């Protein structure tokens, strides 16, 4: 029997961004995040290679970037809380600004 999936939590900025997404994109993002939460429960988060999932290391933290079409979902895995925290959902053209902290709500 597989362990239960991690709980998915949205940071306030990510929740606002998610509500603004078109229905089709929102469904794809929801499905991709759910798959990552299930992978985290199996202990394999961050082990998917290629262009879909990347580990991003900043000055003081590390998180993951998940590619979902033209959008990028940044998230962190909180193993001790069994949660996947979505930090942001941005269009790829706005990713650099988001990473520098210039995006609204971050």
PDB file of N, CA and C in Angstrom:
ATOM      1  N   UNK A   1       0.848  -1.187   0.000  1.00  0.00           N
ATOM      2  CA  UNK A   1       0.000   0.000   0.000  1.00  0.00           C
ATOM      3  C   UNK A   1       0.888   1.243   0.000  1.00  0.00           C
ATOM      4  N   UNK A   2       0.560   2.176  -0.863  1.00  0.00           N
ATOM      5  CA  UNK A   2       1.350   3.412  -0.978  1.00  0.00           C
ATOM      6  C   UNK A   2       1.041   4.340   0.192  1.00  0.00           C
ATOM      7  N   UNK A   3       2.037   5.089   0.640  1.00  0.00           N
ATOM      8  CA  UNK A   3       1.782   6.053   1.713  1.00  0.00           C
ATOM      9  C   UNK A   3       0.842   7.147   1.226  1.00  0.00           C
ATOM     10  N   UNK A   4       0.094   7.776   2.122  1.00  0.00           N
ATOM     11  CA  UNK A   4      -0.827   8.830   1.688  1.00  0.00           C
ATOM     12  C   UNK A   4      -0.059  10.000   1.091  1.00  0.00           C
ATOM     13  N   UNK A   5      -0.676  10.646   0.134  1.00  0.00           N
ATOM     14  CA  UNK A   5      -0.079  11.782  -0.554  1.00  0.00           C
ATOM     15  C   UNK A   5       0.179  12.928   0.415  1.00  0.00           C
ATOM     16  N   UNK A   6       1.147  13.752   0.071  1.00  0.00           N
ATOM     17  CA  UNK A   6       1.391  14.952   0.858  1.00  0.00           C
ATOM     18  C   UNK A   6       0.236  15.930   0.658  1.00  0.00           C
ATOM     19  N   UNK A   7      -0.048  16.723   1.674  1.00  0.00           N
ATOM     20  CA  UNK A   7      -1.061  17.766   1.573  1.00  0.00           C
ATOM     21  C   UNK A   7      -0.496  18.888   0.699  1.00  0.00           C
ATOM     22  N   UNK A   8      -1.318  19.437  -0.184  1.00  0.00           N
ATOM     23  CA  UNK A   8      -0.901  20.553  -1.031  1.00  0.00           C
ATOM     24  C   UNK A   8      -1.406  21.842  -0.405  1.00  0.00           C
ATOM     25  N   UNK A   9      -0.481  22.763  -0.159  1.00  0.00           N
ATOM     26  CA  UNK A   9      -0.834  24.077   0.394  1.00  0.00           C
ATOM     27  C   UNK A   9      -0.393  25.142  -0.593  1.00  0.00           C
ATOM     28  N   UNK A  10      -1.180  26.189  -0.688  1.00  0.00           N
ATOM     29  CA  UNK A  10      -0.841  27.311  -1.565  1.00  0.00           C
ATOM     30  C   UNK A  10      -0.497  28.529  -0.725  1.00  0.00           C
ATOM     31  N   UNK A  11       0.637  29.135  -1.011  1.00  0.00           N
ATOM     32  CA  UNK A  11       0.963  30.414  -0.399  1.00  0.00           C
ATOM     33  C   UNK A  11      -0.046  31.435  -0.929  1.00  0.00           C
ATOM     34  N   UNK A  12      -0.288  32.520  -0.210  1.00  0.00           N
ATOM     35  CA  UNK A  12      -1.283  33.503  -0.670  1.00  0.00           C
ATOM     36  C   UNK A  12      -1.059  33.985  -2.105  1.00  0.00           C
ATOM     37  N   UNK A  13       0.171  34.281  -2.477  1.00  0.00           N
ATOM     38  CA  UNK A  13       0.451  34.746  -3.837  1.00  0.00           C
ATOM     39  C   UNK A  13       0.155  33.655  -4.863  1.00  0.00           C
ATOM     40  N   UNK A  14       0.452  32.412  -4.521  1.00  0.00           N
ATOM     41  CA  UNK A  14       0.181  31.300  -5.425  1.00  0.00           C
ATOM     42  C   UNK A  14      -1.326  31.087  -5.578  1.00  0.00           C
ATOM     43  N   UNK A  15      -2.071  31.248  -4.501  1.00  0.00           N
ATOM     44  CA  UNK A  15      -3.529  31.097  -4.564  1.00  0.00           C
ATOM     45  C   UNK A  15      -4.130  32.162  -5.480  1.00  0.00           C
ATOM     46  N   UNK A  16      -3.636  33.395  -5.375  1.00  0.00           N
ATOM     47  CA  UNK A  16      -4.131  34.475  -6.250  1.00  0.00           C
ATOM     48  C   UNK A  16      -3.808  34.170  -7.707  1.00  0.00           C
ATOM     49  N   UNK A  17      -2.591  33.710  -7.958  1.00  0.00           N
ATOM     50  CA  UNK A  17      -2.183  33.386  -9.328  1.00  0.00           C
ATOM     51  C   UNK A  17      -3.010  32.226  -9.876  1.00  0.00           C
ATOM     52  N   UNK A  18      -3.282  31.233  -9.031  1.00  0.00           N
ATOM     53  CA  UNK A  18      -4.056  30.073  -9.473  1.00  0.00           C
ATOM     54  C   UNK A  18      -5.474  30.485  -9.874  1.00  0.00           C
ATOM     55  N   UNK A  19      -6.083  31.371  -9.092  1.00  0.00           N
ATOM     56  CA  UNK A  19      -7.451  31.821  -9.411  1.00  0.00           C
ATOM     57  C   UNK A  19      -7.520  32.573 -10.732  1.00  0.00           C
ATOM     58  N   UNK A  20      -6.426  33.178 -11.157  1.00  0.00           N
ATOM     59  CA  UNK A  20      -6.402  33.953 -12.399  1.00  0.00           C
ATOM     60  C   UNK A  20      -6.136  33.106 -13.639  1.00  0.00           C
ATOM     61  N   UNK A  21      -5.729  31.852 -13.449  1.00  0.00           N
ATOM     62  CA  UNK A  21      -5.400  30.998 -14.586  1.00  0.00           C
ATOM     63  C   UNK A  21      -6.655  30.609 -15.356  1.00  0.00           C
ATOM     64  N   UNK A  22      -6.539  30.458 -16.685  1.00  0.00           N
ATOM     65  CA  UNK A  22      -7.660  29.906 -17.466  1.00  0.00           C
ATOM     66  C   UNK A  22      -7.965  28.486 -16.981  1.00  0.00           C
ATOM     67  N   UNK A  23      -9.205  28.062 -17.143  1.00  0.00           N
ATOM     68  CA  UNK A  23      -9.644  26.760 -16.614  1.00  0.00           C
ATOM     69  C   UNK A  23      -8.761  25.594 -17.060  1.00  0.00           C
ATOM     70  N   UNK A  24      -8.411  25.540 -18.343  1.00  0.00           N
ATOM     71  CA  UNK A  24      -7.598  24.430 -18.840  1.00  0.00           C
ATOM     72  C   UNK A  24      -6.216  24.404 -18.218  1.00  0.00           C
ATOM     73  N   UNK A  25      -5.603  25.570 -18.086  1.00  0.00           N
ATOM     74  CA  UNK A  25      -4.272  25.663 -17.482  1.00  0.00           C
ATOM     75  C   UNK A  25      -4.354  25.308 -16.001  1.00  0.00           C
ATOM     76  N   UNK A  26      -5.385  25.796 -15.328  1.00  0.00           N
ATOM     77  CA  UNK A  26      -5.556  25.500 -13.901  1.00  0.00           C
ATOM     78  C   UNK A  26      -5.695  23.993 -13.682  1.00  0.00           C
ATOM     79  N   UNK A  27      -6.404  23.313 -14.549  1.00  0.00           N
ATOM     80  CA  UNK A  27      -6.571  21.859 -14.413  1.00  0.00           C
ATOM     81  C   UNK A  27      -5.229  21.149 -14.595  1.00  0.00           C
ATOM     82  N   UNK A  28      -4.425  21.597 -15.559  1.00  0.00           N
ATOM     83  CA  UNK A  28      -3.108  20.995 -15.786  1.00  0.00           C
ATOM     84  C   UNK A  28      -2.183  21.234 -14.598  1.00  0.00           C
ATOM     85  N   UNK A  29      -2.220  22.452 -14.051  1.00  0.00           N
ATOM     86  CA  UNK A  29      -1.389  22.779 -12.893  1.00  0.00           C
ATOM     87  C   UNK A  29      -1.807  21.926 -11.704  1.00  0.00           C
ATOM     88  N   UNK A  30      -3.125  21.822 -11.475  1.00  0.00           N
ATOM     89  CA  UNK A  30      -3.636  21.024 -10.361  1.00  0.00           C
ATOM     90  C   UNK A  30      -3.173  19.579 -10.480  1.00  0.00           C
ATOM     91  N   UNK A  31      -3.273  18.995 -11.681  1.00  0.00           N
ATOM     92  CA  UNK A  31      -2.876  17.599 -11.889  1.00  0.00           C
ATOM     93  C   UNK A  31      -1.367  17.423 -11.687  1.00  0.00           C
ATOM     94  N   UNK A  32      -0.569  18.364 -12.181  1.00  0.00           N
ATOM     95  CA  UNK A  32       0.886  18.263 -12.048  1.00  0.00           C
ATOM     96  C   UNK A  32       1.313  18.367 -10.590  1.00  0.00           C
ATOM     97  N   UNK A  33       0.699  19.278  -9.848  1.00  0.00           N
ATOM     98  CA  UNK A  33       1.042  19.436  -8.431  1.00  0.00           C
ATOM     99  C   UNK A  33       0.619  18.200  -7.649  1.00  0.00           C
ATOM    100  N   UNK A  34      -0.524  17.642  -7.993  1.00  0.00           N
ATOM    101  CA  UNK A  34      -0.987  16.429  -7.318  1.00  0.00           C
ATOM    102  C   UNK A  34      -0.016  15.276  -7.555  1.00  0.00           C
ATOM    103  N   UNK A  35       0.488  15.148  -8.792  1.00  0.00           N
ATOM    104  CA  UNK A  35       1.479  14.102  -9.093  1.00  0.00           C
ATOM    105  C   UNK A  35       2.741  14.297  -8.269  1.00  0.00           C
ATOM    106  N   UNK A  36       3.171  15.561  -8.108  1.00  0.00           N
ATOM    107  CA  UNK A  36       4.371  15.822  -7.316  1.00  0.00           C
ATOM    108  C   UNK A  36       4.135  15.512  -5.845  1.00  0.00           C
ATOM    109  N   UNK A  37       2.930  15.786  -5.339  1.00  0.00           N
ATOM    110  CA  UNK A  37       2.618  15.465  -3.943  1.00  0.00           C
ATOM    111  C   UNK A  37       2.648  13.955  -3.731  1.00  0.00           C
ATOM    112  N   UNK A  38       2.165  13.194  -4.701  1.00  0.00           N
ATOM    113  CA  UNK A  38       2.203  11.737  -4.608  1.00  0.00           C
ATOM    114  C   UNK A  38       3.643  11.233  -4.680  1.00  0.00           C
ATOM    115  N   UNK A  39       4.461  11.862  -5.530  1.00  0.00           N
ATOM    116  CA  UNK A  39       5.873  11.479  -5.637  1.00  0.00           C
ATOM    117  C   UNK A  39       6.600  11.787  -4.330  1.00  0.00           C
ATOM    118  N   UNK A  40       6.274  12.905  -3.710  1.00  0.00           N
ATOM    119  CA  UNK A  40       6.900  13.264  -2.435  1.00  0.00           C
ATOM    120  C   UNK A  40       6.566  12.221  -1.371  1.00  0.00           C
ATOM    121  N   UNK A  41       5.352  11.706  -1.398  1.00  0.00           N
ATOM    122  CA  UNK A  41       4.953  10.690  -0.426  1.00  0.00           C
ATOM    123  C   UNK A  41       5.765   9.408  -0.608  1.00  0.00           C
ATOM    124  N   UNK A  42       6.163   9.140  -1.849  1.00  0.00           N
ATOM    125  CA  UNK A  42       6.992   7.951  -2.123  1.00  0.00           C
ATOM    126  C   UNK A  42       8.470   8.225  -1.874  1.00  0.00           C
ATOM    127  N   UNK A  43       8.797   9.486  -1.568  1.00  0.00           N
ATOM    128  CA  UNK A  43      10.192   9.839  -1.313  1.00  0.00           C
ATOM    129  C   UNK A  43      10.988  10.109  -2.564  1.00  0.00           C
ATOM    130  N   UNK A  44      10.313  10.357  -3.687  1.00  0.00           N
ATOM    131  CA  UNK A  44      11.035  10.562  -4.945  1.00  0.00           C
ATOM    132  C   UNK A  44      10.884  11.976  -5.488  1.00  0.00           C
ATOM    133  N   UNK A  45      10.507  12.942  -4.644  1.00  0.00           N
ATOM    134  CA  UNK A  45      10.427  14.315  -5.148  1.00  0.00           C
ATOM    135  C   UNK A  45      11.822  14.815  -5.492  1.00  0.00           C
ATOM    136  N   UNK A  46      11.883  15.565  -6.576  1.00  0.00           N
ATOM    137  CA  UNK A  46      13.160  16.117  -6.992  1.00  0.00           C
ATOM    138  C   UNK A  46      14.034  15.157  -7.770  1.00  0.00           C
ATOM    139  N   UNK A  47      13.546  13.960  -8.030  1.00  0.00           N
ATOM    140  CA  UNK A  47      14.366  12.972  -8.731  1.00  0.00           C
ATOM    141  C   UNK A  47      13.941  12.793 -10.176  1.00  0.00           C
ATOM    142  N   UNK A  48      13.002  13.593 -10.619  1.00  0.00           N
ATOM    143  CA  UNK A  48      12.539  13.513 -11.997  1.00  0.00           C
ATOM    144  C   UNK A  48      13.413  14.450 -12.817  1.00  0.00           C
ATOM    145  N   UNK A  49      14.131  13.935 -13.759  1.00  0.00           N
ATOM    146  CA  UNK A  49      15.091  14.745 -14.501  1.00  0.00           C
ATOM    147  C   UNK A  49      14.483  15.465 -15.694  1.00  0.00           C
ATOM    148  N   UNK A  50      15.345  15.982 -16.532  1.00  0.00           N
ATOM    149  CA  UNK A  50      14.908  16.660 -17.731  1.00  0.00           C
ATOM    150  C   UNK A  50      14.498  18.091 -17.481  1.00  0.00           C
ATOM    151  N   UNK A  51      13.657  18.596 -18.358  1.00  0.00           N
ATOM    152  CA  UNK A  51      13.252  19.994 -18.294  1.00  0.00           C
ATOM    153  C   UNK A  51      12.011  20.225 -17.451  1.00  0.00           C
ATOM    154  N   UNK A  52      11.322  19.171 -17.054  1.00  0.00           N
ATOM    155  CA  UNK A  52      10.063  19.329 -16.340  1.00  0.00           C
ATOM    156  C   UNK A  52      10.256  19.778 -14.903  1.00  0.00           C
ATOM    157  N   UNK A  53      11.233  19.224 -14.220  1.00  0.00           N
ATOM    158  CA  UNK A  53      11.433  19.525 -12.806  1.00  0.00           C
ATOM    159  C   UNK A  53      12.886  19.903 -12.561  1.00  0.00           C
ATOM    160  N   UNK A  54      13.077  21.033 -11.918  1.00  0.00           N
ATOM    161  CA  UNK A  54      14.428  21.502 -11.596  1.00  0.00           C
ATOM    162  C   UNK A  54      14.478  21.919 -10.139  1.00  0.00           C
ATOM    163  N   UNK A  55      15.624  21.751  -9.547  1.00  0.00           N
ATOM    164  CA  UNK A  55      15.861  22.258  -8.212  1.00  0.00           C
ATOM    165  C   UNK A  55      16.487  23.641  -8.368  1.00  0.00           C
ATOM    166  N   UNK A  56      15.949  24.620  -7.656  1.00  0.00           N
ATOM    167  CA  UNK A  56      16.443  25.996  -7.741  1.00  0.00           C
ATOM    168  C   UNK A  56      17.068  26.332  -6.407  1.00  0.00           C
ATOM    169  N   UNK A  57      18.303  26.779  -6.452  1.00  0.00           N
ATOM    170  CA  UNK A  57      19.001  27.139  -5.219  1.00  0.00           C
ATOM    171  C   UNK A  57      19.202  28.645  -5.210  1.00  0.00           C
ATOM    172  N   UNK A  58      18.676  29.263  -4.172  1.00  0.00           N
ATOM    173  CA  UNK A  58      18.848  30.697  -3.998  1.00  0.00           C
ATOM    174  C   UNK A  58      19.948  30.968  -2.999  1.00  0.00           C
ATOM    175  N   UNK A  59      20.000  32.186  -2.556  1.00  0.00           N
ATOM    176  CA  UNK A  59      21.030  32.560  -1.587  1.00  0.00           C
ATOM    177  C   UNK A  59      20.824  31.865  -0.253  1.00  0.00           C
ATOM    178  N   UNK A  60      19.572  31.745   0.162  1.00  0.00           N
ATOM    179  CA  UNK A  60      19.335  31.193   1.495  1.00  0.00           C
ATOM    180  C   UNK A  60      18.375  30.011   1.508  1.00  0.00           C
ATOM    181  N   UNK A  61      17.861  29.610   0.361  1.00  0.00           N
ATOM    182  CA  UNK A  61      16.893  28.522   0.364  1.00  0.00           C
ATOM    183  C   UNK A  61      17.000  27.709  -0.914  1.00  0.00           C
ATOM    184  N   UNK A  62      16.220  26.634  -0.964  1.00  0.00           N
ATOM    185  CA  UNK A  62      16.157  25.775  -2.135  1.00  0.00           C
ATOM    186  C   UNK A  62      14.702  25.378  -2.320  1.00  0.00           C
ATOM    187  N   UNK A  63      14.260  25.378  -3.556  1.00  0.00           N
ATOM    188  CA  UNK A  63      12.913  24.927  -3.856  1.00  0.00           C
ATOM    189  C   UNK A  63      12.932  24.294  -5.234  1.00  0.00           C
ATOM    190  N   UNK A  64      11.790  23.788  -5.651  1.00  0.00           N
ATOM    191  CA  UNK A  64      11.683  23.117  -6.935  1.00  0.00           C
ATOM    192  C   UNK A  64      10.860  23.958  -7.902  1.00  0.00           C
ATOM    193  N   UNK A  65      11.194  23.825  -9.175  1.00  0.00           N
ATOM    194  CA  UNK A  65      10.451  24.497 -10.238  1.00  0.00           C
ATOM    195  C   UNK A  65       9.895  23.418 -11.158  1.00  0.00           C
ATOM    196  N   UNK A  66       8.607  23.428 -11.335  1.00  0.00           N
ATOM    197  CA  UNK A  66       7.916  22.444 -12.163  1.00  0.00           C
ATOM    198  C   UNK A  66       7.366  23.133 -13.400  1.00  0.00           C
ATOM    199  N   UNK A  67       7.692  22.617 -14.566  1.00  0.00           N
ATOM    200  CA  UNK A  67       7.193  23.191 -15.816  1.00  0.00           C
ATOM    201  C   UNK A  67       5.852  22.572 -16.161  1.00  0.00           C
ATOM    202  N   UNK A  68       4.859  23.427 -16.384  1.00  0.00           N
ATOM    203  CA  UNK A  68       3.529  22.982 -16.801  1.00  0.00           C
ATOM    204  C   UNK A  68       3.150  23.858 -17.996  1.00  0.00           C
ATOM    205  N   UNK A  69       3.464  23.391 -19.190  1.00  0.00           N
ATOM    206  CA  UNK A  69       3.221  24.186 -20.385  1.00  0.00           C
ATOM    207  C   UNK A  69       4.019  25.477 -20.335  1.00  0.00           C
ATOM    208  N   UNK A  70       3.349  26.607 -20.489  1.00  0.00           N
ATOM    209  CA  UNK A  70       3.991  27.913 -20.468  1.00  0.00           C
ATOM    210  C   UNK A  70       4.167  28.459 -19.054  1.00  0.00           C
ATOM    211  N   UNK A  71       3.669  27.743 -18.061  1.00  0.00           N
ATOM    212  CA  UNK A  71       3.733  28.219 -16.676  1.00  0.00           C
ATOM    213  C   UNK A  71       4.768  27.430 -15.877  1.00  0.00           C
ATOM    214  N   UNK A  72       5.250  28.065 -14.825  1.00  0.00           N
ATOM    215  CA  UNK A  72       6.191  27.420 -13.916  1.00  0.00           C
ATOM    216  C   UNK A  72       5.598  27.456 -12.514  1.00  0.00           C
ATOM    217  N   UNK A  73       5.656  26.335 -11.839  1.00  0.00           N
ATOM    218  CA  UNK A  73       5.138  26.216 -10.478  1.00  0.00           C
ATOM    219  C   UNK A  73       6.341  26.031  -9.562  1.00  0.00           C
ATOM    220  N   UNK A  74       6.545  26.983  -8.657  1.00  0.00           N
ATOM    221  CA  UNK A  74       7.631  26.884  -7.693  1.00  0.00           C
ATOM    222  C   UNK A  74       7.044  26.346  -6.396  1.00  0.00           C
ATOM    223  N   UNK A  75       7.717  25.338  -5.829  1.00  0.00           N
ATOM    224  CA  UNK A  75       7.193  24.742  -4.601  1.00  0.00           C
ATOM    225  C   UNK A  75       8.326  24.227  -3.734  1.00  0.00           C
ATOM    226  N   UNK A  76       7.994  24.002  -2.493  1.00  0.00           N
ATOM    227  CA  UNK A  76       8.919  23.438  -1.528  1.00  0.00           C
ATOM    228  C   UNK A  76       8.251  22.222  -0.905  1.00  0.00           C
ATOM    229  N   UNK A  77       9.034  21.238  -0.541  1.00  0.00           N
ATOM    230  CA  UNK A  77       8.518  20.035   0.102  1.00  0.00           C
ATOM    231  C   UNK A  77       8.861  20.112   1.584  1.00  0.00           C
ATOM    232  N   UNK A  78       7.832  20.092   2.407  1.00  0.00           N
ATOM    233  CA  UNK A  78       7.998  20.145   3.862  1.00  0.00           C
ATOM    234  C   UNK A  78       7.789  18.737   4.402  1.00  0.00           C
ATOM    235  N   UNK A  79       8.875  17.969   4.435  1.00  0.00           N
ATOM    236  CA  UNK A  79       8.768  16.558   4.819  1.00  0.00           C
ATOM    237  C   UNK A  79       8.233  16.373   6.235  1.00  0.00           C
ATOM    238  N   UNK A  80       8.672  17.216   7.170  1.00  0.00           N
ATOM    239  CA  UNK A  80       8.236  17.050   8.556  1.00  0.00           C
ATOM    240  C   UNK A  80       6.745  17.317   8.732  1.00  0.00           C
ATOM    241  N   UNK A  81       6.144  18.106   7.832  1.00  0.00           N
ATOM    242  CA  UNK A  81       4.705  18.387   7.896  1.00  0.00           C
ATOM    243  C   UNK A  81       3.922  17.593   6.861  1.00  0.00           C
ATOM    244  N   UNK A  82       4.634  16.781   6.073  1.00  0.00           N
ATOM    245  CA  UNK A  82       4.023  16.018   4.971  1.00  0.00           C
ATOM    246  C   UNK A  82       3.168  16.926   4.099  1.00  0.00           C
ATOM    247  N   UNK A  83       3.804  18.007   3.642  1.00  0.00           N
ATOM    248  CA  UNK A  83       3.091  18.994   2.834  1.00  0.00           C
ATOM    249  C   UNK A  83       3.963  19.449   1.669  1.00  0.00           C
ATOM    250  N   UNK A  84       3.304  19.793   0.594  1.00  0.00           N
ATOM    251  CA  UNK A  84       3.940  20.404  -0.553  1.00  0.00           C
ATOM    252  C   UNK A  84       3.414  21.835  -0.608  1.00  0.00           C
ATOM    253  N   UNK A  85       4.281  22.813  -0.412  1.00  0.00           N
ATOM    254  CA  UNK A  85       3.890  24.217  -0.355  1.00  0.00           C
ATOM    255  C   UNK A  85       4.180  24.874  -1.690  1.00  0.00           C
ATOM    256  N   UNK A  86       3.133  25.283  -2.404  1.00  0.00           N
ATOM    257  CA  UNK A  86       3.288  25.980  -3.673  1.00  0.00           C
ATOM    258  C   UNK A  86       3.574  27.443  -3.361  1.00  0.00           C
ATOM    259  N   UNK A  87       4.751  27.897  -3.777  1.00  0.00           N
ATOM    260  CA  UNK A  87       5.191  29.256  -3.492  1.00  0.00           C
ATOM    261  C   UNK A  87       4.721  30.250  -4.543  1.00  0.00           C
ATOM    262  N   UNK A  88       4.647  29.809  -5.784  1.00  0.00           N
ATOM    263  CA  UNK A  88       4.237  30.717  -6.853  1.00  0.00           C
ATOM    264  C   UNK A  88       3.910  29.964  -8.113  1.00  0.00           C
ATOM    265  N   UNK A  89       3.053  30.572  -8.923  1.00  0.00           N
ATOM    266  CA  UNK A  89       2.698  30.057 -10.239  1.00  0.00           C
ATOM    267  C   UNK A  89       2.843  31.240 -11.181  1.00  0.00           C
ATOM    268  N   UNK A  90       3.796  31.169 -12.106  1.00  0.00           N
ATOM    269  CA  UNK A  90       4.047  32.303 -12.990  1.00  0.00           C
ATOM    270  C   UNK A  90       4.205  31.836 -14.427  1.00  0.00           C
ATOM    271  N   UNK A  91       3.896  32.731 -15.357  1.00  0.00           N
ATOM    272  CA  UNK A  91       4.155  32.471 -16.763  1.00  0.00           C
ATOM    273  C   UNK A  91       5.658  32.490 -16.959  1.00  0.00           C
ATOM    274  N   UNK A  92       6.145  31.720 -17.879  1.00  0.00           N
ATOM    275  CA  UNK A  92       7.596  31.598 -18.051  1.00  0.00           C
ATOM    276  C   UNK A  92       8.262  32.930 -18.346  1.00  0.00           C
ATOM    277  N   UNK A  93       7.564  33.837 -19.020  1.00  0.00           N
ATOM    278  CA  UNK A  93       8.172  35.134 -19.341  1.00  0.00           C
ATOM    279  C   UNK A  93       8.392  35.985 -18.088  1.00  0.00           C
ATOM    280  N   UNK A  94       7.668  35.690 -17.011  1.00  0.00           N
ATOM    281  CA  UNK A  94       7.800  36.454 -15.765  1.00  0.00           C
ATOM    282  C   UNK A  94       8.665  35.751 -14.722  1.00  0.00           C
ATOM    283  N   UNK A  95       9.249  34.622 -15.078  1.00  0.00           N
ATOM    284  CA  UNK A  95       9.977  33.816 -14.102  1.00  0.00           C
ATOM    285  C   UNK A  95      11.189  34.535 -13.515  1.00  0.00           C
ATOM    286  N   UNK A  96      11.995  35.162 -14.344  1.00  0.00           N
ATOM    287  CA  UNK A  96      13.193  35.836 -13.834  1.00  0.00           C
ATOM    288  C   UNK A  96      12.827  36.926 -12.831  1.00  0.00           C
ATOM    289  N   UNK A  97      11.803  37.700 -13.146  1.00  0.00           N
ATOM    290  CA  UNK A  97      11.371  38.761 -12.230  1.00  0.00           C
ATOM    291  C   UNK A  97      10.870  38.154 -10.917  1.00  0.00           C
ATOM    292  N   UNK A  98      10.134  37.051 -10.994  1.00  0.00           N
ATOM    293  CA  UNK A  98       9.639  36.389  -9.783  1.00  0.00           C
ATOM    294  C   UNK A  98      10.811  35.896  -8.940  1.00  0.00           C
ATOM    295  N   UNK A  99      11.791  35.289  -9.589  1.00  0.00           N
ATOM    296  CA  UNK A  99      12.945  34.756  -8.856  1.00  0.00           C
ATOM    297  C   UNK A  99      13.748  35.865  -8.175  1.00  0.00           C
ATOM    298  N   UNK A 100      13.791  37.024  -8.799  1.00  0.00           N
ATOM    299  CA  UNK A 100      14.498  38.161  -8.184  1.00  0.00           C
ATOM    300  C   UNK A 100      13.676  38.813  -7.092  1.00  0.00           C
ATOM    301  N   UNK A 101      12.436  38.398  -6.941  1.00  0.00           N
ATOM    302  CA  UNK A 101      11.596  38.934  -5.886  1.00  0.00           C
ATOM    303  C   UNK A 101      10.843  40.173  -6.282  1.00  0.00           C
ATOM    304  N   UNK A 102      10.825  40.500  -7.578  1.00  0.00           N
ATOM    305  CA  UNK A 102      10.139  41.698  -8.023  1.00  0.00           C
ATOM    306  C   UNK A 102       8.679  41.487  -8.385  1.00  0.00           C
ATOM    307  N   UNK A 103       8.216  40.249  -8.280  1.00  0.00           N
ATOM    308  CA  UNK A 103       6.829  39.976  -8.646  1.00  0.00           C
ATOM    309  C   UNK A 103       5.897  40.455  -7.551  1.00  0.00           C
ATOM    310  N   UNK A 104       4.723  40.958  -7.923  1.00  0.00           N
ATOM    311  CA  UNK A 104       3.756  41.381  -6.906  1.00  0.00           C
ATOM    312  C   UNK A 104       3.364  40.214  -6.021  1.00  0.00           C
ATOM    313  N   UNK A 105       3.221  40.462  -4.747  1.00  0.00           N
ATOM    314  CA  UNK A 105       2.778  39.419  -3.826  1.00  0.00           C
ATOM    315  C   UNK A 105       3.889  38.533  -3.320  1.00  0.00           C
ATOM    316  N   UNK A 106       5.112  38.839  -3.674  1.00  0.00           N
ATOM    317  CA  UNK A 106       6.235  38.004  -3.203  1.00  0.00           C
ATOM    318  C   UNK A 106       7.180  38.833  -2.386  1.00  0.00           C
TER     319      UNK A 106
END
